[in-house]
């Protein structure tokens, strides 16, 4: 599931960078939900294991986004 979600976000991130959608669309519409998924213990473990499958620029941007967010606590 995280692979599919991340690939979808990568596609939107790419379209944003190339100007195919309004500039900043990725940050406004996708980042909040995407970060909620990655900023969990399981999401972080998955990202650290699988991020080499994605382009370096995307990984760098996602790592910056993650660094700017508090890590979510697991649900009880």
PDB file of N, CA and C in Angstrom:
ATOM      1  N   UNK A   1       0.823  -1.186   0.000  1.00  0.00           N
ATOM      2  CA  UNK A   1       0.000   0.000   0.000  1.00  0.00           C
ATOM      3  C   UNK A   1       0.875   1.261   0.000  1.00  0.00           C
ATOM      4  N   UNK A   2       1.901   1.302   0.853  1.00  0.00           N
ATOM      5  CA  UNK A   2       2.775   2.474   0.879  1.00  0.00           C
ATOM      6  C   UNK A   2       3.524   2.659  -0.435  1.00  0.00           C
ATOM      7  N   UNK A   3       3.860   1.578  -1.095  1.00  0.00           N
ATOM      8  CA  UNK A   3       4.531   1.692  -2.397  1.00  0.00           C
ATOM      9  C   UNK A   3       3.603   2.371  -3.398  1.00  0.00           C
ATOM     10  N   UNK A   4       2.362   1.952  -3.453  1.00  0.00           N
ATOM     11  CA  UNK A   4       1.395   2.541  -4.374  1.00  0.00           C
ATOM     12  C   UNK A   4       1.168   4.013  -4.055  1.00  0.00           C
ATOM     13  N   UNK A   5       0.988   4.334  -2.794  1.00  0.00           N
ATOM     14  CA  UNK A   5       0.769   5.719  -2.381  1.00  0.00           C
ATOM     15  C   UNK A   5       1.987   6.583  -2.704  1.00  0.00           C
ATOM     16  N   UNK A   6       3.169   6.063  -2.471  1.00  0.00           N
ATOM     17  CA  UNK A   6       4.378   6.830  -2.734  1.00  0.00           C
ATOM     18  C   UNK A   6       4.583   7.032  -4.228  1.00  0.00           C
ATOM     19  N   UNK A   7       4.317   6.022  -5.022  1.00  0.00           N
ATOM     20  CA  UNK A   7       4.433   6.178  -6.481  1.00  0.00           C
ATOM     21  C   UNK A   7       3.430   7.213  -7.003  1.00  0.00           C
ATOM     22  N   UNK A   8       2.231   7.226  -6.459  1.00  0.00           N
ATOM     23  CA  UNK A   8       1.245   8.225  -6.851  1.00  0.00           C
ATOM     24  C   UNK A   8       1.740   9.625  -6.472  1.00  0.00           C
ATOM     25  N   UNK A   9       2.282   9.773  -5.278  1.00  0.00           N
ATOM     26  CA  UNK A   9       2.806  11.065  -4.846  1.00  0.00           C
ATOM     27  C   UNK A   9       4.010  11.488  -5.676  1.00  0.00           C
ATOM     28  N   UNK A  10       4.831  10.551  -6.052  1.00  0.00           N
ATOM     29  CA  UNK A  10       5.975  10.843  -6.918  1.00  0.00           C
ATOM     30  C   UNK A  10       5.496  11.400  -8.255  1.00  0.00           C
ATOM     31  N   UNK A  11       4.422  10.799  -8.807  1.00  0.00           N
ATOM     32  CA  UNK A  11       3.863  11.287 -10.064  1.00  0.00           C
ATOM     33  C   UNK A  11       3.361  12.720  -9.952  1.00  0.00           C
ATOM     34  N   UNK A  12       2.682  13.033  -8.872  1.00  0.00           N
ATOM     35  CA  UNK A  12       2.175  14.393  -8.676  1.00  0.00           C
ATOM     36  C   UNK A  12       3.332  15.349  -8.433  1.00  0.00           C
ATOM     37  N   UNK A  13       4.319  14.933  -7.638  1.00  0.00           N
ATOM     38  CA  UNK A  13       5.523  15.742  -7.384  1.00  0.00           C
ATOM     39  C   UNK A  13       6.212  16.063  -8.708  1.00  0.00           C
ATOM     40  N   UNK A  14       6.320  15.072  -9.604  1.00  0.00           N
ATOM     41  CA  UNK A  14       6.963  15.267 -10.906  1.00  0.00           C
ATOM     42  C   UNK A  14       6.178  16.265 -11.753  1.00  0.00           C
ATOM     43  N   UNK A  15       4.867  16.109 -11.807  1.00  0.00           N
ATOM     44  CA  UNK A  15       4.043  17.021 -12.597  1.00  0.00           C
ATOM     45  C   UNK A  15       4.140  18.454 -12.060  1.00  0.00           C
ATOM     46  N   UNK A  16       4.208  18.591 -10.745  1.00  0.00           N
ATOM     47  CA  UNK A  16       4.367  19.910 -10.126  1.00  0.00           C
ATOM     48  C   UNK A  16       5.691  20.534 -10.562  1.00  0.00           C
ATOM     49  N   UNK A  17       6.768  19.770 -10.475  1.00  0.00           N
ATOM     50  CA  UNK A  17       8.098  20.284 -10.847  1.00  0.00           C
ATOM     51  C   UNK A  17       8.196  20.645 -12.321  1.00  0.00           C
ATOM     52  N   UNK A  18       7.507  19.887 -13.177  1.00  0.00           N
ATOM     53  CA  UNK A  18       7.571  20.131 -14.613  1.00  0.00           C
ATOM     54  C   UNK A  18       6.591  21.210 -15.080  1.00  0.00           C
ATOM     55  N   UNK A  19       5.737  21.670 -14.171  1.00  0.00           N
ATOM     56  CA  UNK A  19       4.793  22.716 -14.517  1.00  0.00           C
ATOM     57  C   UNK A  19       3.526  22.230 -15.200  1.00  0.00           C
ATOM     58  N   UNK A  20       3.246  20.935 -15.124  1.00  0.00           N
ATOM     59  CA  UNK A  20       2.033  20.392 -15.731  1.00  0.00           C
ATOM     60  C   UNK A  20       0.791  20.661 -14.884  1.00  0.00           C
ATOM     61  N   UNK A  21       0.993  20.959 -13.617  1.00  0.00           N
ATOM     62  CA  UNK A  21      -0.091  21.337 -12.712  1.00  0.00           C
ATOM     63  C   UNK A  21       0.358  22.629 -12.025  1.00  0.00           C
ATOM     64  N   UNK A  22      -0.563  23.357 -11.415  1.00  0.00           N
ATOM     65  CA  UNK A  22      -0.168  24.612 -10.780  1.00  0.00           C
ATOM     66  C   UNK A  22       0.950  24.416  -9.745  1.00  0.00           C
ATOM     67  N   UNK A  23       1.940  25.308  -9.801  1.00  0.00           N
ATOM     68  CA  UNK A  23       3.095  25.250  -8.892  1.00  0.00           C
ATOM     69  C   UNK A  23       2.614  25.195  -7.440  1.00  0.00           C
ATOM     70  N   UNK A  24       3.176  24.298  -6.669  1.00  0.00           N
ATOM     71  CA  UNK A  24       2.829  24.149  -5.263  1.00  0.00           C
ATOM     72  C   UNK A  24       1.671  23.205  -4.996  1.00  0.00           C
ATOM     73  N   UNK A  25       1.103  22.623  -6.050  1.00  0.00           N
ATOM     74  CA  UNK A  25      -0.029  21.704  -5.861  1.00  0.00           C
ATOM     75  C   UNK A  25       0.341  20.511  -4.996  1.00  0.00           C
ATOM     76  N   UNK A  26       1.529  19.970  -5.205  1.00  0.00           N
ATOM     77  CA  UNK A  26       1.952  18.806  -4.415  1.00  0.00           C
ATOM     78  C   UNK A  26       1.966  19.156  -2.935  1.00  0.00           C
ATOM     79  N   UNK A  27       2.578  20.287  -2.595  1.00  0.00           N
ATOM     80  CA  UNK A  27       2.679  20.691  -1.187  1.00  0.00           C
ATOM     81  C   UNK A  27       1.300  20.959  -0.582  1.00  0.00           C
ATOM     82  N   UNK A  28       0.434  21.586  -1.328  1.00  0.00           N
ATOM     83  CA  UNK A  28      -0.886  21.939  -0.800  1.00  0.00           C
ATOM     84  C   UNK A  28      -1.807  20.743  -0.665  1.00  0.00           C
ATOM     85  N   UNK A  29      -1.782  19.862  -1.649  1.00  0.00           N
ATOM     86  CA  UNK A  29      -2.812  18.819  -1.681  1.00  0.00           C
ATOM     87  C   UNK A  29      -2.350  17.443  -1.220  1.00  0.00           C
ATOM     88  N   UNK A  30      -1.069  17.144  -1.352  1.00  0.00           N
ATOM     89  CA  UNK A  30      -0.619  15.785  -1.057  1.00  0.00           C
ATOM     90  C   UNK A  30       0.244  15.653   0.187  1.00  0.00           C
ATOM     91  N   UNK A  31       1.064  16.647   0.451  1.00  0.00           N
ATOM     92  CA  UNK A  31       2.037  16.513   1.537  1.00  0.00           C
ATOM     93  C   UNK A  31       1.392  16.209   2.888  1.00  0.00           C
ATOM     94  N   UNK A  32       0.329  16.892   3.306  1.00  0.00           N
ATOM     95  CA  UNK A  32      -0.193  16.594   4.652  1.00  0.00           C
ATOM     96  C   UNK A  32      -0.558  15.120   4.859  1.00  0.00           C
ATOM     97  N   UNK A  33      -1.289  14.538   3.927  1.00  0.00           N
ATOM     98  CA  UNK A  33      -1.691  13.136   4.069  1.00  0.00           C
ATOM     99  C   UNK A  33      -0.506  12.197   3.901  1.00  0.00           C
ATOM    100  N   UNK A  34       0.346  12.491   2.931  1.00  0.00           N
ATOM    101  CA  UNK A  34       1.524  11.661   2.688  1.00  0.00           C
ATOM    102  C   UNK A  34       2.427  11.624   3.920  1.00  0.00           C
ATOM    103  N   UNK A  35       2.638  12.767   4.553  1.00  0.00           N
ATOM    104  CA  UNK A  35       3.489  12.808   5.743  1.00  0.00           C
ATOM    105  C   UNK A  35       2.858  12.075   6.918  1.00  0.00           C
ATOM    106  N   UNK A  36       1.523  12.125   7.033  1.00  0.00           N
ATOM    107  CA  UNK A  36       0.867  11.365   8.108  1.00  0.00           C
ATOM    108  C   UNK A  36       1.118   9.876   7.950  1.00  0.00           C
ATOM    109  N   UNK A  37       1.229   9.416   6.714  1.00  0.00           N
ATOM    110  CA  UNK A  37       1.482   7.992   6.474  1.00  0.00           C
ATOM    111  C   UNK A  37       2.946   7.620   6.700  1.00  0.00           C
ATOM    112  N   UNK A  38       3.857   8.482   6.262  1.00  0.00           N
ATOM    113  CA  UNK A  38       5.282   8.157   6.410  1.00  0.00           C
ATOM    114  C   UNK A  38       5.807   8.456   7.805  1.00  0.00           C
ATOM    115  N   UNK A  39       5.231   9.420   8.493  1.00  0.00           N
ATOM    116  CA  UNK A  39       5.736   9.809   9.806  1.00  0.00           C
ATOM    117  C   UNK A  39       5.148   8.971  10.930  1.00  0.00           C
ATOM    118  N   UNK A  40       5.168   7.690  10.749  1.00  0.00           N
ATOM    119  CA  UNK A  40       4.806   6.724  11.778  1.00  0.00           C
ATOM    120  C   UNK A  40       5.996   5.774  11.887  1.00  0.00           C
ATOM    121  N   UNK A  41       6.135   5.054  12.977  1.00  0.00           N
ATOM    122  CA  UNK A  41       7.252   4.109  13.054  1.00  0.00           C
ATOM    123  C   UNK A  41       7.285   3.130  11.876  1.00  0.00           C
ATOM    124  N   UNK A  42       6.137   2.580  11.496  1.00  0.00           N
ATOM    125  CA  UNK A  42       6.094   1.647  10.367  1.00  0.00           C
ATOM    126  C   UNK A  42       6.362   2.339   9.039  1.00  0.00           C
ATOM    127  N   UNK A  43       5.818   3.529   8.867  1.00  0.00           N
ATOM    128  CA  UNK A  43       6.041   4.287   7.646  1.00  0.00           C
ATOM    129  C   UNK A  43       7.499   4.671   7.479  1.00  0.00           C
ATOM    130  N   UNK A  44       8.128   5.079   8.557  1.00  0.00           N
ATOM    131  CA  UNK A  44       9.552   5.446   8.512  1.00  0.00           C
ATOM    132  C   UNK A  44      10.416   4.228   8.193  1.00  0.00           C
ATOM    133  N   UNK A  45      10.104   3.099   8.805  1.00  0.00           N
ATOM    134  CA  UNK A  45      10.874   1.880   8.525  1.00  0.00           C
ATOM    135  C   UNK A  45      10.730   1.502   7.058  1.00  0.00           C
ATOM    136  N   UNK A  46       9.499   1.583   6.532  1.00  0.00           N
ATOM    137  CA  UNK A  46       9.271   1.267   5.129  1.00  0.00           C
ATOM    138  C   UNK A  46      10.052   2.236   4.241  1.00  0.00           C
ATOM    139  N   UNK A  47       9.938   3.548   4.493  1.00  0.00           N
ATOM    140  CA  UNK A  47      10.616   4.557   3.669  1.00  0.00           C
ATOM    141  C   UNK A  47      12.131   4.346   3.689  1.00  0.00           C
ATOM    142  N   UNK A  48      12.702   4.128   4.837  1.00  0.00           N
ATOM    143  CA  UNK A  48      14.156   3.940   4.925  1.00  0.00           C
ATOM    144  C   UNK A  48      14.619   2.690   4.181  1.00  0.00           C
ATOM    145  N   UNK A  49      13.769   1.698   4.099  1.00  0.00           N
ATOM    146  CA  UNK A  49      14.103   0.451   3.398  1.00  0.00           C
ATOM    147  C   UNK A  49      13.896   0.566   1.886  1.00  0.00           C
ATOM    148  N   UNK A  50      12.901   1.358   1.461  1.00  0.00           N
ATOM    149  CA  UNK A  50      12.496   1.362   0.055  1.00  0.00           C
ATOM    150  C   UNK A  50      12.821   2.638  -0.722  1.00  0.00           C
ATOM    151  N   UNK A  51      13.305   3.682  -0.060  1.00  0.00           N
ATOM    152  CA  UNK A  51      13.484   4.961  -0.764  1.00  0.00           C
ATOM    153  C   UNK A  51      14.496   4.908  -1.899  1.00  0.00           C
ATOM    154  N   UNK A  52      15.377   3.932  -1.904  1.00  0.00           N
ATOM    155  CA  UNK A  52      16.347   3.823  -2.996  1.00  0.00           C
ATOM    156  C   UNK A  52      15.671   3.486  -4.323  1.00  0.00           C
ATOM    157  N   UNK A  53      14.391   3.120  -4.299  1.00  0.00           N
ATOM    158  CA  UNK A  53      13.647   2.808  -5.519  1.00  0.00           C
ATOM    159  C   UNK A  53      13.157   4.062  -6.247  1.00  0.00           C
ATOM    160  N   UNK A  54      13.322   5.216  -5.616  1.00  0.00           N
ATOM    161  CA  UNK A  54      12.797   6.461  -6.167  1.00  0.00           C
ATOM    162  C   UNK A  54      13.940   7.389  -6.557  1.00  0.00           C
ATOM    163  N   UNK A  55      13.656   8.364  -7.442  1.00  0.00           N
ATOM    164  CA  UNK A  55      14.702   9.290  -7.876  1.00  0.00           C
ATOM    165  C   UNK A  55      15.278  10.108  -6.714  1.00  0.00           C
ATOM    166  N   UNK A  56      16.561  10.415  -6.818  1.00  0.00           N
ATOM    167  CA  UNK A  56      17.268  11.129  -5.751  1.00  0.00           C
ATOM    168  C   UNK A  56      16.606  12.446  -5.365  1.00  0.00           C
ATOM    169  N   UNK A  57      16.144  13.224  -6.350  1.00  0.00           N
ATOM    170  CA  UNK A  57      15.523  14.517  -6.034  1.00  0.00           C
ATOM    171  C   UNK A  57      14.238  14.339  -5.233  1.00  0.00           C
ATOM    172  N   UNK A  58      13.451  13.340  -5.585  1.00  0.00           N
ATOM    173  CA  UNK A  58      12.221  13.060  -4.845  1.00  0.00           C
ATOM    174  C   UNK A  58      12.557  12.618  -3.425  1.00  0.00           C
ATOM    175  N   UNK A  59      13.527  11.727  -3.286  1.00  0.00           N
ATOM    176  CA  UNK A  59      13.947  11.246  -1.962  1.00  0.00           C
ATOM    177  C   UNK A  59      14.434  12.416  -1.106  1.00  0.00           C
ATOM    178  N   UNK A  60      15.235  13.280  -1.692  1.00  0.00           N
ATOM    179  CA  UNK A  60      15.756  14.438  -0.953  1.00  0.00           C
ATOM    180  C   UNK A  60      14.607  15.331  -0.455  1.00  0.00           C
ATOM    181  N   UNK A  61      13.620  15.593  -1.332  1.00  0.00           N
ATOM    182  CA  UNK A  61      12.487  16.421  -0.927  1.00  0.00           C
ATOM    183  C   UNK A  61      11.642  15.742   0.148  1.00  0.00           C
ATOM    184  N   UNK A  62      11.388  14.458   0.009  1.00  0.00           N
ATOM    185  CA  UNK A  62      10.596  13.745   1.011  1.00  0.00           C
ATOM    186  C   UNK A  62      11.346  13.693   2.340  1.00  0.00           C
ATOM    187  N   UNK A  63      12.652  13.441   2.303  1.00  0.00           N
ATOM    188  CA  UNK A  63      13.434  13.428   3.545  1.00  0.00           C
ATOM    189  C   UNK A  63      13.378  14.785   4.249  1.00  0.00           C
ATOM    190  N   UNK A  64      13.403  15.885   3.466  1.00  0.00           N
ATOM    191  CA  UNK A  64      13.287  17.226   4.067  1.00  0.00           C
ATOM    192  C   UNK A  64      11.910  17.413   4.702  1.00  0.00           C
ATOM    193  N   UNK A  65      10.885  16.941   4.018  1.00  0.00           N
ATOM    194  CA  UNK A  65       9.536  17.049   4.572  1.00  0.00           C
ATOM    195  C   UNK A  65       9.413  16.253   5.873  1.00  0.00           C
ATOM    196  N   UNK A  66       9.943  15.055   5.878  1.00  0.00           N
ATOM    197  CA  UNK A  66       9.890  14.208   7.068  1.00  0.00           C
ATOM    198  C   UNK A  66      10.642  14.875   8.222  1.00  0.00           C
ATOM    199  N   UNK A  67      11.803  15.449   7.938  1.00  0.00           N
ATOM    200  CA  UNK A  67      12.608  16.084   8.979  1.00  0.00           C
ATOM    201  C   UNK A  67      11.876  17.258   9.622  1.00  0.00           C
ATOM    202  N   UNK A  68      10.976  17.886   8.879  1.00  0.00           N
ATOM    203  CA  UNK A  68      10.235  19.029   9.398  1.00  0.00           C
ATOM    204  C   UNK A  68       8.970  18.661  10.159  1.00  0.00           C
ATOM    205  N   UNK A  69       8.704  17.382  10.313  1.00  0.00           N
ATOM    206  CA  UNK A  69       7.480  16.920  10.977  1.00  0.00           C
ATOM    207  C   UNK A  69       7.816  16.148  12.232  1.00  0.00           C
ATOM    208  N   UNK A  70       6.975  16.280  13.263  1.00  0.00           N
ATOM    209  CA  UNK A  70       7.168  15.407  14.429  1.00  0.00           C
ATOM    210  C   UNK A  70       6.748  13.983  14.065  1.00  0.00           C
ATOM    211  N   UNK A  71       7.417  13.017  14.630  1.00  0.00           N
ATOM    212  CA  UNK A  71       7.065  11.617  14.372  1.00  0.00           C
ATOM    213  C   UNK A  71       5.753  11.296  15.089  1.00  0.00           C
ATOM    214  N   UNK A  72       4.843  10.723  14.347  1.00  0.00           N
ATOM    215  CA  UNK A  72       3.542  10.360  14.931  1.00  0.00           C
ATOM    216  C   UNK A  72       3.724   9.206  15.900  1.00  0.00           C
ATOM    217  N   UNK A  73       2.959   9.238  16.954  1.00  0.00           N
ATOM    218  CA  UNK A  73       2.990   8.148  17.925  1.00  0.00           C
ATOM    219  C   UNK A  73       2.039   7.042  17.451  1.00  0.00           C
ATOM    220  N   UNK A  74       2.381   5.775  17.705  1.00  0.00           N
ATOM    221  CA  UNK A  74       1.480   4.687  17.316  1.00  0.00           C
ATOM    222  C   UNK A  74       0.157   4.813  18.048  1.00  0.00           C
ATOM    223  N   UNK A  75      -0.903   4.361  17.395  1.00  0.00           N
ATOM    224  CA  UNK A  75      -2.215   4.359  18.053  1.00  0.00           C
ATOM    225  C   UNK A  75      -2.231   3.301  19.154  1.00  0.00           C
ATOM    226  N   UNK A  76      -2.980   3.586  20.229  1.00  0.00           N
ATOM    227  CA  UNK A  76      -3.039   2.593  21.334  1.00  0.00           C
ATOM    228  C   UNK A  76      -3.746   1.320  20.913  1.00  0.00           C
TER     229      UNK A  76
END
